[in-house]
Structures are given as structure tokens and as C-alpha cells.
Amino acid sequence: MTAYTETRRGFTARPHKDQIKLAMSFYRLTNAELALRAKVAPSTIGNILGTKRDTCNPETAAKIAQALGMGTERLFTLEQIDYAN
């Protein structure tokens, strides 16, 4: 598995929304509280967990996973971007 601790140009992270929501429920975190811990905008969390976004950048994925105390690969799948399509 690839750790997402550095810039990953040409890659995107696909969230496992149910796993993120389960972790948030376990820690009793709201979207806003997770955003504060992850140092991202609350709308970013809402967009990732809602229907607006199916992916995010790997750096954001790493911040969210770290804020939840979990490995990034447990909460996100790293995918290479196919710019040809």
C-alpha cells in the first residue's frame, strides 16, 4: 500500500465514506469537528461525505485519516488519474 504523506501528482483519493462516517461516529465527531482536527474547511468534509465529490486530493485524504487516528489506506483508495479520457 502507498502512504499518502507527500504530494502525489497524477493521483486522486477515493473515500470509503461509510468507513469515515463510522470512525466519526465512534469518536462522536461532527463534520465541523473533523474539519477542525484535519485543518480543512468544513465544506470539504461535507462534500467528501455527501454526493458532491467522489474524490479528493491525497493530501486532504491524509489529513482526514490522521485526524481520525487511522491509516489513510483504510479510509481512502489511491487511484491514478487518467488524463486521456
Protein backbone atom coordinates (compact mmCIF):
# COMPACT_ATOMS: atom_id res chain seq x y z
CA MET A 1 0.00 0.00 0.00
CA THR A 2 1.07 3.54 -0.69
CA ALA A 3 1.23 6.04 2.15
CA TYR A 4 0.00 9.47 1.21
CA THR A 5 2.34 11.68 3.16
CA GLU A 6 3.70 13.67 0.25
CA THR A 7 2.36 15.31 -2.87
CA ARG A 8 1.04 12.70 -5.28
CA ARG A 9 0.71 14.42 -8.65
CA GLY A 10 -1.40 12.43 -11.06
CA PHE A 11 -3.31 10.66 -8.28
CA THR A 12 -6.64 11.13 -6.56
CA ALA A 13 -8.08 9.61 -3.39
CA ARG A 14 -11.48 7.91 -3.42
CA PRO A 15 -13.06 7.96 0.07
CA HIS A 16 -14.65 4.96 1.74
CA LYS A 17 -17.50 7.13 3.00
CA ASP A 18 -19.05 4.50 5.27
CA GLN A 19 -15.71 3.86 6.99
CA ILE A 20 -15.13 7.58 7.55
CA LYS A 21 -18.65 8.02 8.92
CA LEU A 22 -18.18 5.00 11.21
CA ALA A 23 -14.94 6.45 12.59
CA MET A 24 -16.60 9.82 13.08
CA SER A 25 -19.46 8.14 14.91
CA PHE A 26 -17.04 6.21 17.12
CA TYR A 27 -15.28 9.44 18.14
CA ARG A 28 -18.59 11.35 18.17
CA LEU A 29 -17.30 13.95 15.73
CA THR A 30 -19.38 16.26 13.60
CA ASN A 31 -18.25 17.34 10.14
CA ALA A 32 -17.13 20.66 11.61
CA GLU A 33 -15.14 19.00 14.41
CA LEU A 34 -13.40 16.65 11.98
CA ALA A 35 -12.63 19.59 9.70
CA LEU A 36 -11.06 21.48 12.60
CA ARG A 37 -8.91 18.48 13.57
CA ALA A 38 -7.89 17.85 9.95
CA LYS A 39 -7.28 21.55 9.26
CA VAL A 40 -9.57 21.58 6.23
CA ALA A 41 -12.73 23.54 5.50
CA PRO A 42 -15.97 22.10 6.93
CA SER A 43 -17.40 22.17 3.41
CA THR A 44 -14.60 19.84 2.31
CA ILE A 45 -15.77 17.19 4.78
CA GLY A 46 -19.39 17.71 3.77
CA ASN A 47 -18.58 17.46 0.08
CA ILE A 48 -16.49 14.30 0.52
CA LEU A 49 -19.10 12.55 2.65
CA GLY A 50 -22.06 13.78 0.64
CA THR A 51 -22.83 13.40 -3.03
CA LYS A 52 -20.89 16.40 -4.35
CA ARG A 53 -17.45 14.79 -4.52
CA ASP A 54 -16.36 11.25 -5.29
CA THR A 55 -12.67 12.02 -4.83
CA CYS A 56 -10.29 14.39 -3.10
CA ASN A 57 -6.60 15.09 -3.32
CA PRO A 58 -4.29 12.69 -1.47
CA GLU A 59 -3.05 15.40 0.89
CA THR A 60 -6.60 16.06 2.09
CA ALA A 61 -7.15 12.32 2.50
CA ALA A 62 -4.03 12.06 4.66
CA LYS A 63 -5.16 14.97 6.85
CA ILE A 64 -8.58 13.40 7.41
CA ALA A 65 -7.14 9.98 8.19
CA GLN A 66 -4.60 11.43 10.60
CA ALA A 67 -7.33 13.43 12.35
CA LEU A 68 -9.21 10.15 12.86
CA GLY A 69 -6.08 8.32 14.01
CA MET A 70 -6.26 5.82 11.17
CA GLY A 71 -4.12 4.85 8.21
CA THR A 72 -5.07 6.65 5.04
CA GLU A 73 -5.37 3.40 3.09
CA ARG A 74 -8.13 2.25 5.48
CA LEU A 75 -10.29 5.25 4.61
CA PHE A 76 -9.29 6.05 1.02
CA THR A 77 -8.21 4.30 -2.16
CA LEU A 78 -5.43 5.99 -4.11
CA GLU A 79 -6.13 5.99 -7.86
CA GLN A 80 -4.06 7.19 -10.76
CA ILE A 81 -5.71 9.90 -12.83
CA ASP A 82 -6.20 9.04 -16.49
CA TYR A 83 -5.92 12.39 -18.26
CA ALA A 84 -6.52 10.80 -21.69
CA ASN A 85 -10.26 10.34 -21.09
